[in-house]
Amino acid sequence: PVAEIFADRAYLPDGRLMPRDRPGAVLHDPDQIAARMLRFVET
């Protein structure tokens, strides 16, 4: 098994991905996406 993190999708507090029909479910800002992934790798 290999676990993956989604860079461009919003997460619900229980670890599920936010459904695509909800506002903000898909992230579009490249710098925001990159920053949240660096935070994940570091913390």
All heavy atoms as atom14 arrays in JSON, in Angstrom:
{
  "sequence": "PVAEIFADRAYLPDGRLMPRDRPGAVLHDPDQIAARMLRFVET",
  "atom14_mask": [
    [1, 1, 1, 1, 1, 1, 1, 0, 0, 0, 0, 0, 0, 0],
    [1, 1, 1, 1, 1, 1, 1, 0, 0, 0, 0, 0, 0, 0],
    [1, 1, 1, 1, 1, 0, 0, 0, 0, 0, 0, 0, 0, 0],
    [1, 1, 1, 1, 1, 1, 1, 1, 1, 0, 0, 0, 0, 0],
    [1, 1, 1, 1, 1, 1, 1, 1, 0, 0, 0, 0, 0, 0],
    [1, 1, 1, 1, 1, 1, 1, 1, 1, 1, 1, 0, 0, 0],
    [1, 1, 1, 1, 1, 0, 0, 0, 0, 0, 0, 0, 0, 0],
    [1, 1, 1, 1, 1, 1, 1, 1, 0, 0, 0, 0, 0, 0],
    [1, 1, 1, 1, 1, 1, 1, 1, 1, 1, 1, 0, 0, 0],
    [1, 1, 1, 1, 1, 0, 0, 0, 0, 0, 0, 0, 0, 0],
    [1, 1, 1, 1, 1, 1, 1, 1, 1, 1, 1, 1, 0, 0],
    [1, 1, 1, 1, 1, 1, 1, 1, 0, 0, 0, 0, 0, 0],
    [1, 1, 1, 1, 1, 1, 1, 0, 0, 0, 0, 0, 0, 0],
    [1, 1, 1, 1, 1, 1, 1, 1, 0, 0, 0, 0, 0, 0],
    [1, 1, 1, 1, 0, 0, 0, 0, 0, 0, 0, 0, 0, 0],
    [1, 1, 1, 1, 1, 1, 1, 1, 1, 1, 1, 0, 0, 0],
    [1, 1, 1, 1, 1, 1, 1, 1, 0, 0, 0, 0, 0, 0],
    [1, 1, 1, 1, 1, 1, 1, 1, 0, 0, 0, 0, 0, 0],
    [1, 1, 1, 1, 1, 1, 1, 0, 0, 0, 0, 0, 0, 0],
    [1, 1, 1, 1, 1, 1, 1, 1, 1, 1, 1, 0, 0, 0],
    [1, 1, 1, 1, 1, 1, 1, 1, 0, 0, 0, 0, 0, 0],
    [1, 1, 1, 1, 1, 1, 1, 1, 1, 1, 1, 0, 0, 0],
    [1, 1, 1, 1, 1, 1, 1, 0, 0, 0, 0, 0, 0, 0],
    [1, 1, 1, 1, 0, 0, 0, 0, 0, 0, 0, 0, 0, 0],
    [1, 1, 1, 1, 1, 0, 0, 0, 0, 0, 0, 0, 0, 0],
    [1, 1, 1, 1, 1, 1, 1, 0, 0, 0, 0, 0, 0, 0],
    [1, 1, 1, 1, 1, 1, 1, 1, 0, 0, 0, 0, 0, 0],
    [1, 1, 1, 1, 1, 1, 1, 1, 1, 1, 0, 0, 0, 0],
    [1, 1, 1, 1, 1, 1, 1, 1, 0, 0, 0, 0, 0, 0],
    [1, 1, 1, 1, 1, 1, 1, 0, 0, 0, 0, 0, 0, 0],
    [1, 1, 1, 1, 1, 1, 1, 1, 0, 0, 0, 0, 0, 0],
    [1, 1, 1, 1, 1, 1, 1, 1, 1, 0, 0, 0, 0, 0],
    [1, 1, 1, 1, 1, 1, 1, 1, 0, 0, 0, 0, 0, 0],
    [1, 1, 1, 1, 1, 0, 0, 0, 0, 0, 0, 0, 0, 0],
    [1, 1, 1, 1, 1, 0, 0, 0, 0, 0, 0, 0, 0, 0],
    [1, 1, 1, 1, 1, 1, 1, 1, 1, 1, 1, 0, 0, 0],
    [1, 1, 1, 1, 1, 1, 1, 1, 0, 0, 0, 0, 0, 0],
    [1, 1, 1, 1, 1, 1, 1, 1, 0, 0, 0, 0, 0, 0],
    [1, 1, 1, 1, 1, 1, 1, 1, 1, 1, 1, 0, 0, 0],
    [1, 1, 1, 1, 1, 1, 1, 1, 1, 1, 1, 0, 0, 0],
    [1, 1, 1, 1, 1, 1, 1, 0, 0, 0, 0, 0, 0, 0],
    [1, 1, 1, 1, 1, 1, 1, 1, 1, 0, 0, 0, 0, 0],
    [1, 1, 1, 1, 1, 1, 1, 0, 0, 0, 0, 0, 0, 0]
  ],
  "atom14_positions": [
    [[0.83, -1.2, 0.0], [0.0, 0.0, 0.0], [0.87, 1.26, 0.0], [1.88, 1.33, 0.7], [-0.78, -0.12, 1.32], [0.15, -0.85, 2.23], [1.0, -1.77, 1.36], [0.0, 0.0, 0.0], [0.0, 0.0, 0.0], [0.0, 0.0, 0.0], [0.0, 0.0, 0.0], [0.0, 0.0, 0.0], [0.0, 0.0, 0.0], [0.0, 0.0, 0.0]],
    [[0.48, 2.23, -0.8], [1.18, 3.51, -0.85], [0.15, 4.61, -0.63], [-0.84, 4.71, -1.37], [1.91, 3.72, -2.19], [2.62, 5.07, -2.2], [2.9, 2.6, -2.44], [0.0, 0.0, 0.0], [0.0, 0.0, 0.0], [0.0, 0.0, 0.0], [0.0, 0.0, 0.0], [0.0, 0.0, 0.0], [0.0, 0.0, 0.0], [0.0, 0.0, 0.0]],
    [[0.35, 5.42, 0.4], [-0.6, 6.48, 0.74], [-0.25, 7.78, 0.02], [0.92, 8.12, -0.13], [-0.58, 6.72, 2.25], [0.0, 0.0, 0.0], [0.0, 0.0, 0.0], [0.0, 0.0, 0.0], [0.0, 0.0, 0.0], [0.0, 0.0, 0.0], [0.0, 0.0, 0.0], [0.0, 0.0, 0.0], [0.0, 0.0, 0.0], [0.0, 0.0, 0.0]],
    [[-1.29, 8.47, -0.42], [-1.07, 9.74, -1.11], [-1.87, 10.87, -0.48], [-2.93, 10.68, 0.12], [-1.4, 9.63, -2.59], [-2.86, 9.5, -2.92], [-3.13, 9.56, -4.42], [-2.26, 10.01, -5.19], [-4.24, 9.14, -4.81], [0.0, 0.0, 0.0], [0.0, 0.0, 0.0], [0.0, 0.0, 0.0], [0.0, 0.0, 0.0], [0.0, 0.0, 0.0]],
    [[-1.32, 12.08, -0.66], [-1.93, 13.32, -0.2], [-2.35, 14.11, -1.44], [-1.63, 14.14, -2.44], [-0.91, 14.15, 0.61], [-0.38, 13.33, 1.79], [-1.54, 15.45, 1.1], [-1.41, 12.92, 2.8], [0.0, 0.0, 0.0], [0.0, 0.0, 0.0], [0.0, 0.0, 0.0], [0.0, 0.0, 0.0], [0.0, 0.0, 0.0], [0.0, 0.0, 0.0]],
    [[-3.49, 14.79, -1.37], [-3.95, 15.59, -2.5], [-3.55, 17.05, -2.31], [-3.93, 17.69, -1.33], [-5.46, 15.45, -2.67], [-5.85, 14.16, -3.31], [-6.02, 13.02, -2.54], [-6.02, 14.06, -4.69], [-6.35, 11.81, -3.12], [-6.35, 12.86, -5.28], [-6.52, 11.73, -4.49], [0.0, 0.0, 0.0], [0.0, 0.0, 0.0], [0.0, 0.0, 0.0]],
    [[-2.81, 17.54, -3.29], [-2.33, 18.91, -3.23], [-3.43, 19.91, -3.52], [-3.46, 21.0, -2.93], [-1.17, 19.11, -4.22], [0.0, 0.0, 0.0], [0.0, 0.0, 0.0], [0.0, 0.0, 0.0], [0.0, 0.0, 0.0], [0.0, 0.0, 0.0], [0.0, 0.0, 0.0], [0.0, 0.0, 0.0], [0.0, 0.0, 0.0], [0.0, 0.0, 0.0]],
    [[-4.33, 19.57, -4.45], [-5.3, 20.53, -4.97], [-6.73, 20.26, -4.54], [-7.67, 20.74, -5.16], [-5.22, 20.58, -6.5], [-5.37, 19.21, -7.15], [-5.6, 18.23, -6.41], [-5.23, 19.12, -8.38], [0.0, 0.0, 0.0], [0.0, 0.0, 0.0], [0.0, 0.0, 0.0], [0.0, 0.0, 0.0], [0.0, 0.0, 0.0], [0.0, 0.0, 0.0]],
    [[-6.9, 19.46, -3.49], [-8.23, 19.18, -2.97], [-8.31, 19.55, -1.5], [-7.36, 19.33, -0.74], [-8.58, 17.7, -3.15], [-8.79, 17.27, -4.59], [-10.04, 17.88, -5.2], [-11.23, 17.64, -4.4], [-11.96, 16.54, -4.42], [-11.59, 15.55, -5.22], [-13.02, 16.41, -3.66], [0.0, 0.0, 0.0], [0.0, 0.0, 0.0], [0.0, 0.0, 0.0]],
    [[-9.46, 20.09, -1.1], [-9.69, 20.42, 0.31], [-10.08, 19.15, 1.07], [-10.73, 18.26, 0.52], [-10.79, 21.46, 0.43], [0.0, 0.0, 0.0], [0.0, 0.0, 0.0], [0.0, 0.0, 0.0], [0.0, 0.0, 0.0], [0.0, 0.0, 0.0], [0.0, 0.0, 0.0], [0.0, 0.0, 0.0], [0.0, 0.0, 0.0], [0.0, 0.0, 0.0]],
    [[-9.68, 19.09, 2.33], [-9.96, 17.95, 3.2], [-11.03, 18.31, 4.23], [-11.07, 19.43, 4.75], [-8.7, 17.52, 3.95], [-7.74, 16.69, 3.15], [-6.83, 17.27, 2.27], [-7.72, 15.3, 3.28], [-5.94, 16.5, 1.53], [-6.82, 14.52, 2.55], [-5.94, 15.13, 1.68], [-5.06, 14.36, 0.96], [0.0, 0.0, 0.0], [0.0, 0.0, 0.0]],
    [[-11.86, 17.32, 4.55], [-12.77, 17.43, 5.69], [-11.99, 17.07, 6.96], [-10.95, 16.41, 6.89], [-13.95, 16.5, 5.5], [-14.84, 16.79, 4.29], [-15.91, 15.7, 4.14], [-15.49, 18.16, 4.4], [0.0, 0.0, 0.0], [0.0, 0.0, 0.0], [0.0, 0.0, 0.0], [0.0, 0.0, 0.0], [0.0, 0.0, 0.0], [0.0, 0.0, 0.0]],
    [[-12.49, 17.49, 8.13], [-11.74, 17.22, 9.38], [-11.5, 15.75, 9.67], [-10.58, 15.41, 10.41], [-12.63, 17.86, 10.45], [-13.38, 18.93, 9.74], [-13.64, 18.38, 8.37], [0.0, 0.0, 0.0], [0.0, 0.0, 0.0], [0.0, 0.0, 0.0], [0.0, 0.0, 0.0], [0.0, 0.0, 0.0], [0.0, 0.0, 0.0], [0.0, 0.0, 0.0]],
    [[-12.33, 14.84, 9.07], [-12.14, 13.41, 9.32], [-11.18, 12.75, 8.34], [-11.0, 11.53, 8.36], [-13.49, 12.68, 9.3], [-14.18, 12.75, 7.94], [-13.62, 13.35, 7.0], [-15.29, 12.2, 7.81], [0.0, 0.0, 0.0], [0.0, 0.0, 0.0], [0.0, 0.0, 0.0], [0.0, 0.0, 0.0], [0.0, 0.0, 0.0], [0.0, 0.0, 0.0]],
    [[-10.54, 13.56, 7.47], [-9.56, 13.02, 6.54], [-10.11, 12.68, 5.17], [-9.34, 12.32, 4.27], [0.0, 0.0, 0.0], [0.0, 0.0, 0.0], [0.0, 0.0, 0.0], [0.0, 0.0, 0.0], [0.0, 0.0, 0.0], [0.0, 0.0, 0.0], [0.0, 0.0, 0.0], [0.0, 0.0, 0.0], [0.0, 0.0, 0.0], [0.0, 0.0, 0.0]],
    [[-11.42, 12.78, 4.99], [-12.0, 12.56, 3.66], [-11.82, 13.81, 2.8], [-11.66, 14.92, 3.31], [-13.5, 12.24, 3.77], [-13.81, 10.9, 4.4], [-15.32, 10.69, 4.47], [-15.95, 11.69, 5.33], [-17.11, 12.28, 5.07], [-17.77, 11.99, 3.96], [-17.61, 13.16, 5.92], [0.0, 0.0, 0.0], [0.0, 0.0, 0.0], [0.0, 0.0, 0.0]],
    [[-11.86, 13.61, 1.48], [-11.82, 14.75, 0.57], [-13.18, 15.44, 0.56], [-14.22, 14.78, 0.6], [-11.47, 14.29, -0.84], [-10.1, 13.64, -1.03], [-9.92, 13.2, -2.48], [-8.98, 14.59, -0.61], [0.0, 0.0, 0.0], [0.0, 0.0, 0.0], [0.0, 0.0, 0.0], [0.0, 0.0, 0.0], [0.0, 0.0, 0.0], [0.0, 0.0, 0.0]],
    [[-13.17, 16.76, 0.5], [-14.42, 17.49, 0.41], [-15.1, 17.18, -0.93], [-14.44, 17.18, -1.96], [-14.17, 19.01, 0.5], [-15.44, 19.84, 0.49], [-15.1, 21.61, 0.4], [-14.33, 21.86, 2.0], [0.0, 0.0, 0.0], [0.0, 0.0, 0.0], [0.0, 0.0, 0.0], [0.0, 0.0, 0.0], [0.0, 0.0, 0.0], [0.0, 0.0, 0.0]],
    [[-16.4, 16.87, -0.94], [-17.09, 16.59, -2.2], [-16.93, 17.73, -3.2], [-16.94, 18.91, -2.83], [-18.55, 16.45, -1.76], [-18.47, 16.0, -0.34], [-17.27, 16.71, 0.23], [0.0, 0.0, 0.0], [0.0, 0.0, 0.0], [0.0, 0.0, 0.0], [0.0, 0.0, 0.0], [0.0, 0.0, 0.0], [0.0, 0.0, 0.0], [0.0, 0.0, 0.0]],
    [[-16.76, 17.38, -4.45], [-16.47, 18.35, -5.5], [-17.58, 19.38, -5.7], [-17.34, 20.44, -6.27], [-16.19, 17.63, -6.82], [-14.8, 17.05, -6.92], [-14.57, 16.37, -8.26], [-13.18, 15.97, -8.44], [-12.24, 16.73, -8.99], [-12.55, 17.94, -9.43], [-11.01, 16.28, -9.13], [0.0, 0.0, 0.0], [0.0, 0.0, 0.0], [0.0, 0.0, 0.0]],
    [[-18.81, 19.05, -5.29], [-19.91, 19.99, -5.5], [-19.99, 21.07, -4.43], [-20.85, 21.94, -4.47], [-21.25, 19.26, -5.6], [-21.57, 18.45, -4.34], [-20.75, 18.43, -3.41], [-22.67, 17.84, -4.32], [0.0, 0.0, 0.0], [0.0, 0.0, 0.0], [0.0, 0.0, 0.0], [0.0, 0.0, 0.0], [0.0, 0.0, 0.0], [0.0, 0.0, 0.0]],
    [[-19.05, 21.06, -3.48], [-19.04, 22.09, -2.44], [-18.01, 23.17, -2.79], [-16.94, 22.87, -3.32], [-18.71, 21.47, -1.08], [-19.84, 20.61, -0.53], [-19.49, 19.98, 0.8], [-19.02, 20.94, 1.79], [-18.69, 20.61, 3.04], [-18.78, 19.33, 3.41], [-18.27, 21.51, 3.89], [0.0, 0.0, 0.0], [0.0, 0.0, 0.0], [0.0, 0.0, 0.0]],
    [[-18.33, 24.44, -2.52], [-17.39, 25.53, -2.81], [-16.06, 25.32, -2.09], [-16.03, 24.94, -0.92], [-18.11, 26.78, -2.28], [-19.56, 26.41, -2.26], [-19.6, 24.94, -1.94], [0.0, 0.0, 0.0], [0.0, 0.0, 0.0], [0.0, 0.0, 0.0], [0.0, 0.0, 0.0], [0.0, 0.0, 0.0], [0.0, 0.0, 0.0], [0.0, 0.0, 0.0]],
    [[-14.96, 25.55, -2.8], [-13.64, 25.42, -2.21], [-13.09, 24.02, -2.21], [-12.0, 23.78, -1.67], [0.0, 0.0, 0.0], [0.0, 0.0, 0.0], [0.0, 0.0, 0.0], [0.0, 0.0, 0.0], [0.0, 0.0, 0.0], [0.0, 0.0, 0.0], [0.0, 0.0, 0.0], [0.0, 0.0, 0.0], [0.0, 0.0, 0.0], [0.0, 0.0, 0.0]],
    [[-13.81, 23.08, -2.82], [-13.35, 21.69, -2.81], [-12.08, 21.49, -3.63], [-11.25, 20.65, -3.31], [-14.45, 20.77, -3.32], [0.0, 0.0, 0.0], [0.0, 0.0, 0.0], [0.0, 0.0, 0.0], [0.0, 0.0, 0.0], [0.0, 0.0, 0.0], [0.0, 0.0, 0.0], [0.0, 0.0, 0.0], [0.0, 0.0, 0.0], [0.0, 0.0, 0.0]],
    [[-11.95, 22.27, -4.71], [-10.77, 22.19, -5.57], [-9.98, 23.48, -5.44], [-10.54, 24.57, -5.57], [-11.18, 21.95, -7.04], [-9.93, 21.84, -7.92], [-12.02, 20.68, -7.16], [0.0, 0.0, 0.0], [0.0, 0.0, 0.0], [0.0, 0.0, 0.0], [0.0, 0.0, 0.0], [0.0, 0.0, 0.0], [0.0, 0.0, 0.0], [0.0, 0.0, 0.0]],
    [[-8.69, 23.36, -5.17], [-7.82, 24.52, -4.99], [-7.15, 24.86, -6.32], [-6.8, 23.97, -7.09], [-6.77, 24.22, -3.93], [-7.3, 23.7, -2.59], [-6.15, 23.44, -1.63], [-8.31, 24.65, -1.98], [0.0, 0.0, 0.0], [0.0, 0.0, 0.0], [0.0, 0.0, 0.0], [0.0, 0.0, 0.0], [0.0, 0.0, 0.0], [0.0, 0.0, 0.0]],
    [[-6.96, 26.16, -6.56], [-6.44, 26.59, -7.86], [-5.2, 27.47, -7.78], [-4.51, 27.62, -8.78], [-7.54, 27.35, -8.62], [-8.76, 26.54, -8.91], [-8.78, 25.54, -9.86], [-9.99, 26.55, -8.33], [-9.98, 24.98, -9.89], [-10.74, 25.57, -8.97], [0.0, 0.0, 0.0], [0.0, 0.0, 0.0], [0.0, 0.0, 0.0], [0.0, 0.0, 0.0]],
    [[-4.88, 28.03, -6.62], [-3.75, 28.94, -6.52], [-2.44, 28.15, -6.4], [-2.22, 27.44, -5.4], [-3.91, 29.85, -5.29], [-2.79, 30.85, -5.18], [-1.71, 30.49, -4.66], [-2.97, 32.01, -5.61], [0.0, 0.0, 0.0], [0.0, 0.0, 0.0], [0.0, 0.0, 0.0], [0.0, 0.0, 0.0], [0.0, 0.0, 0.0], [0.0, 0.0, 0.0]],
    [[-1.54, 28.23, -7.4], [-0.32, 27.41, -7.37], [0.54, 27.63, -6.13], [1.08, 26.66, -5.56], [0.41, 27.83, -8.64], [-0.67, 28.29, -9.56], [-1.66, 28.98, -8.66], [0.0, 0.0, 0.0], [0.0, 0.0, 0.0], [0.0, 0.0, 0.0], [0.0, 0.0, 0.0], [0.0, 0.0, 0.0], [0.0, 0.0, 0.0], [0.0, 0.0, 0.0]],
    [[0.7, 28.88, -5.71], [1.55, 29.15, -4.55], [0.93, 28.61, -3.26], [1.64, 28.09, -2.4], [1.8, 30.66, -4.42], [2.65, 31.2, -5.57], [3.47, 30.44, -6.11], [2.49, 32.38, -5.92], [0.0, 0.0, 0.0], [0.0, 0.0, 0.0], [0.0, 0.0, 0.0], [0.0, 0.0, 0.0], [0.0, 0.0, 0.0], [0.0, 0.0, 0.0]],
    [[-0.38, 28.72, -3.13], [-1.06, 28.16, -1.97], [-0.91, 26.64, -1.94], [-0.63, 26.05, -0.89], [-2.54, 28.53, -1.98], [-3.34, 27.9, -0.84], [-4.85, 27.95, -1.07], [-5.31, 28.25, -2.16], [-5.61, 27.64, -0.03], [0.0, 0.0, 0.0], [0.0, 0.0, 0.0], [0.0, 0.0, 0.0], [0.0, 0.0, 0.0], [0.0, 0.0, 0.0]],
    [[-1.09, 26.02, -3.08], [-0.97, 24.57, -3.19], [0.45, 24.13, -2.81], [0.64, 23.17, -2.04], [-1.32, 24.11, -4.61], [-2.83, 24.29, -4.86], [-0.91, 22.66, -4.85], [-3.24, 24.1, -6.3], [0.0, 0.0, 0.0], [0.0, 0.0, 0.0], [0.0, 0.0, 0.0], [0.0, 0.0, 0.0], [0.0, 0.0, 0.0], [0.0, 0.0, 0.0]],
    [[1.45, 24.82, -3.33], [2.83, 24.46, -3.03], [3.15, 24.64, -1.55], [3.81, 23.78, -0.94], [3.78, 25.3, -3.89], [0.0, 0.0, 0.0], [0.0, 0.0, 0.0], [0.0, 0.0, 0.0], [0.0, 0.0, 0.0], [0.0, 0.0, 0.0], [0.0, 0.0, 0.0], [0.0, 0.0, 0.0], [0.0, 0.0, 0.0], [0.0, 0.0, 0.0]],
    [[2.67, 25.72, -0.97], [2.96, 25.99, 0.44], [2.34, 24.94, 1.36], [2.98, 24.5, 2.33], [2.45, 27.39, 0.81], [0.0, 0.0, 0.0], [0.0, 0.0, 0.0], [0.0, 0.0, 0.0], [0.0, 0.0, 0.0], [0.0, 0.0, 0.0], [0.0, 0.0, 0.0], [0.0, 0.0, 0.0], [0.0, 0.0, 0.0], [0.0, 0.0, 0.0]],
    [[1.12, 24.51, 1.05], [0.49, 23.5, 1.91], [1.19, 22.15, 1.77], [1.25, 21.37, 2.74], [-1.01, 23.42, 1.65], [-1.43, 22.72, 0.39], [-2.87, 23.06, 0.02], [-3.84, 22.61, 0.98], [-4.59, 21.5, 0.84], [-4.44, 20.76, -0.25], [-5.46, 21.14, 1.75], [0.0, 0.0, 0.0], [0.0, 0.0, 0.0], [0.0, 0.0, 0.0]],
    [[1.76, 21.87, 0.59], [2.49, 20.62, 0.43], [3.85, 20.66, 1.12], [4.3, 19.66, 1.68], [2.65, 20.29, -1.06], [1.35, 19.84, -1.72], [0.6, 18.36, -0.95], [-0.6, 19.1, 0.18], [0.0, 0.0, 0.0], [0.0, 0.0, 0.0], [0.0, 0.0, 0.0], [0.0, 0.0, 0.0], [0.0, 0.0, 0.0], [0.0, 0.0, 0.0]],
    [[4.5, 21.8, 1.11], [5.75, 21.91, 1.86], [5.48, 21.75, 3.35], [6.24, 21.07, 4.06], [6.43, 23.25, 1.59], [7.76, 23.46, 2.31], [8.8, 22.44, 1.85], [8.28, 24.88, 2.09], [0.0, 0.0, 0.0], [0.0, 0.0, 0.0], [0.0, 0.0, 0.0], [0.0, 0.0, 0.0], [0.0, 0.0, 0.0], [0.0, 0.0, 0.0]],
    [[4.39, 22.33, 3.84], [4.02, 22.16, 5.24], [3.8, 20.69, 5.56], [4.24, 20.19, 6.59], [2.75, 22.96, 5.56], [2.27, 22.77, 7.01], [0.88, 23.31, 7.24], [0.45, 23.07, 8.61], [-0.79, 23.25, 9.05], [-1.72, 23.71, 8.23], [-1.11, 22.99, 10.3], [0.0, 0.0, 0.0], [0.0, 0.0, 0.0], [0.0, 0.0, 0.0]],
    [[3.13, 19.98, 4.66], [2.9, 18.56, 4.9], [4.22, 17.79, 4.99], [4.42, 16.98, 5.9], [2.02, 17.95, 3.8], [2.04, 16.46, 3.81], [1.4, 15.76, 4.82], [2.76, 15.76, 2.86], [1.46, 14.37, 4.86], [2.82, 14.38, 2.89], [2.16, 13.68, 3.9], [0.0, 0.0, 0.0], [0.0, 0.0, 0.0], [0.0, 0.0, 0.0]],
    [[5.12, 18.04, 4.03], [6.39, 17.3, 4.01], [7.2, 17.59, 5.27], [7.83, 16.7, 5.85], [7.2, 17.67, 2.75], [8.62, 17.14, 2.84], [6.51, 17.11, 1.51], [0.0, 0.0, 0.0], [0.0, 0.0, 0.0], [0.0, 0.0, 0.0], [0.0, 0.0, 0.0], [0.0, 0.0, 0.0], [0.0, 0.0, 0.0], [0.0, 0.0, 0.0]],
    [[7.16, 18.82, 5.73], [7.98, 19.22, 6.89], [7.35, 18.85, 8.22], [8.06, 18.61, 9.21], [8.24, 20.72, 6.84], [9.14, 21.14, 5.68], [9.44, 22.63, 5.67], [8.66, 23.41, 6.28], [10.46, 23.02, 5.08], [0.0, 0.0, 0.0], [0.0, 0.0, 0.0], [0.0, 0.0, 0.0], [0.0, 0.0, 0.0], [0.0, 0.0, 0.0]],
    [[6.01, 18.8, 8.31], [5.35, 18.59, 9.6], [4.42, 17.38, 9.65], [4.01, 16.97, 10.74], [4.5, 19.83, 9.97], [3.39, 19.93, 9.08], [5.34, 21.1, 9.89], [0.0, 0.0, 0.0], [0.0, 0.0, 0.0], [0.0, 0.0, 0.0], [0.0, 0.0, 0.0], [0.0, 0.0, 0.0], [0.0, 0.0, 0.0], [0.0, 0.0, 0.0]]
  ]
}
